[in-house]
Amino acid sequence: MTTQDSKPWWATSYPDRYYAYANTTVTLGGDPTVGWVDVAMFSSAPAWLPAASDLVAQTDAAWSARSLVNQIIKDGKVQTYALPADEAAQGTSTSTSTSTQGSTATA
């Protein structure tokens, strides 16, 4: 008897296991906040999951070291949001904008 090598559903369409995506319903400084997803946690692709080309792939090390606070997607990368120097010097604060148009799940 031979064992057939079966790949997970995501192996072809999502070459990496861990991804960050742009959550456009919540922004910081006008940039989308980060949603995190481990595609292996799903038995099949959820309808809301963008194509891998629209996600920012994460290595195992980056996934393990990720921050869950003040993270944005900017220039195609995950970055920590920093209040612009002129606003920080003035002591002004920015607010997080939210939309009531539904939400996306994060992992």
Protein backbone atom coordinates (compact mmCIF):
# COMPACT_ATOMS: atom_id res chain seq x y z
CA MET A 1 0.00 0.00 0.00
CA THR A 2 1.35 3.42 -0.92
CA THR A 3 0.55 6.62 0.83
CA GLN A 4 -0.45 9.40 -1.49
CA ASP A 5 1.23 12.69 -0.69
CA SER A 6 -1.63 15.14 -0.32
CA LYS A 7 -0.98 18.84 -0.15
CA PRO A 8 -3.16 21.23 1.83
CA TRP A 9 -5.75 23.20 -0.18
CA TRP A 10 -3.71 26.39 0.08
CA ALA A 11 -0.34 25.03 -1.10
CA THR A 12 -0.92 25.89 -4.76
CA SER A 13 -2.68 29.25 -4.51
CA TYR A 14 -0.94 30.45 -1.34
CA PRO A 15 2.72 29.43 -1.43
CA ASP A 16 3.25 30.78 2.09
CA ARG A 17 1.29 29.86 5.19
CA TYR A 18 1.25 33.27 6.89
CA TYR A 19 0.11 36.57 5.43
CA ALA A 20 -0.73 40.16 6.28
CA TYR A 21 -3.51 41.95 4.44
CA ALA A 22 -4.72 45.53 4.20
CA ASN A 23 -7.76 46.10 6.41
CA THR A 24 -9.20 49.15 4.68
CA THR A 25 -12.13 49.51 7.09
CA VAL A 26 -9.75 50.73 9.81
CA THR A 27 -6.91 53.12 9.03
CA LEU A 28 -4.10 54.90 10.84
CA GLY A 29 -2.88 58.12 9.25
CA GLY A 30 -4.78 57.19 6.10
CA ASP A 31 -3.05 53.83 5.68
CA PRO A 32 -4.90 50.53 6.11
CA THR A 33 -4.25 48.62 9.29
CA VAL A 34 -2.95 45.06 9.17
CA GLY A 35 -5.08 41.96 9.27
CA TRP A 36 -3.20 38.73 9.93
CA VAL A 37 -4.11 35.35 8.47
CA ASP A 38 -2.73 31.85 8.82
CA VAL A 39 -4.27 30.17 5.78
CA ALA A 40 -3.65 26.70 7.22
CA MET A 41 -6.30 27.26 9.86
CA PHE A 42 -9.09 27.03 7.27
CA SER A 43 -10.35 23.79 5.73
CA SER A 44 -10.92 25.68 2.45
CA ALA A 45 -10.44 29.24 1.22
CA PRO A 46 -12.82 31.65 2.96
CA ALA A 47 -14.72 33.95 0.60
CA TRP A 48 -13.13 37.09 2.08
CA LEU A 49 -9.53 35.92 1.60
CA PRO A 50 -7.79 37.94 -1.12
CA ALA A 51 -5.51 36.32 -3.69
CA ALA A 52 -1.96 35.70 -2.49
CA SER A 53 -0.74 38.42 -4.87
CA ASP A 54 -2.80 40.94 -2.86
CA LEU A 55 -1.29 39.82 0.46
CA VAL A 56 2.07 40.39 2.13
CA ALA A 57 3.70 36.99 2.75
CA GLN A 58 5.30 36.47 6.16
CA THR A 59 8.14 34.14 7.05
CA ASP A 60 7.80 31.93 10.11
CA ALA A 61 10.14 34.29 11.98
CA ALA A 62 8.21 37.41 10.94
CA TRP A 63 4.92 35.76 11.91
CA SER A 64 6.26 34.83 15.34
CA ALA A 65 7.66 38.33 15.89
CA ARG A 66 4.65 40.26 14.56
CA SER A 67 3.17 43.10 16.54
CA LEU A 68 -0.56 43.53 16.92
CA VAL A 69 -0.45 47.23 17.77
CA ASN A 70 -0.22 50.19 15.36
CA GLN A 71 0.60 48.07 12.33
CA ILE A 72 -0.16 49.41 8.85
CA ILE A 73 0.36 48.30 5.27
CA LYS A 74 2.38 50.94 3.45
CA ASP A 75 4.46 50.62 0.30
CA GLY A 76 3.56 46.93 0.14
CA LYS A 77 5.09 46.17 3.55
CA VAL A 78 3.97 45.79 7.14
CA GLN A 79 5.16 48.83 9.09
CA THR A 80 4.61 50.31 12.51
CA TYR A 81 2.58 53.52 12.31
CA ALA A 82 4.33 56.54 13.74
CA LEU A 83 2.62 59.85 14.32
CA PRO A 84 4.06 62.40 11.86
CA ALA A 85 6.72 64.58 13.53
CA ASP A 86 4.78 67.83 13.01
CA GLU A 87 1.68 66.38 14.68
CA ALA A 88 3.67 64.82 17.51
CA ALA A 89 5.38 68.16 18.16
CA GLN A 90 2.02 69.91 18.33
CA GLY A 91 0.65 67.33 20.74
CA THR A 92 -2.26 66.51 18.47
CA SER A 93 -3.64 63.05 18.23
CA THR A 94 -4.99 61.11 15.32
CA SER A 95 -8.03 58.98 15.58
CA THR A 96 -8.63 55.58 14.12
CA SER A 97 -11.35 55.72 11.52
CA THR A 98 -13.77 52.86 11.31
CA SER A 99 -16.47 51.90 8.90
CA THR A 100 -19.76 50.23 9.68
CA GLN A 101 -19.70 48.34 6.38
CA GLY A 102 -18.99 44.95 7.90
CA SER A 103 -15.76 43.47 9.01
CA THR A 104 -13.20 40.93 7.94
CA ALA A 105 -12.02 38.15 10.16
CA THR A 106 -8.46 38.02 11.30
CA ALA A 107 -6.42 35.18 12.54
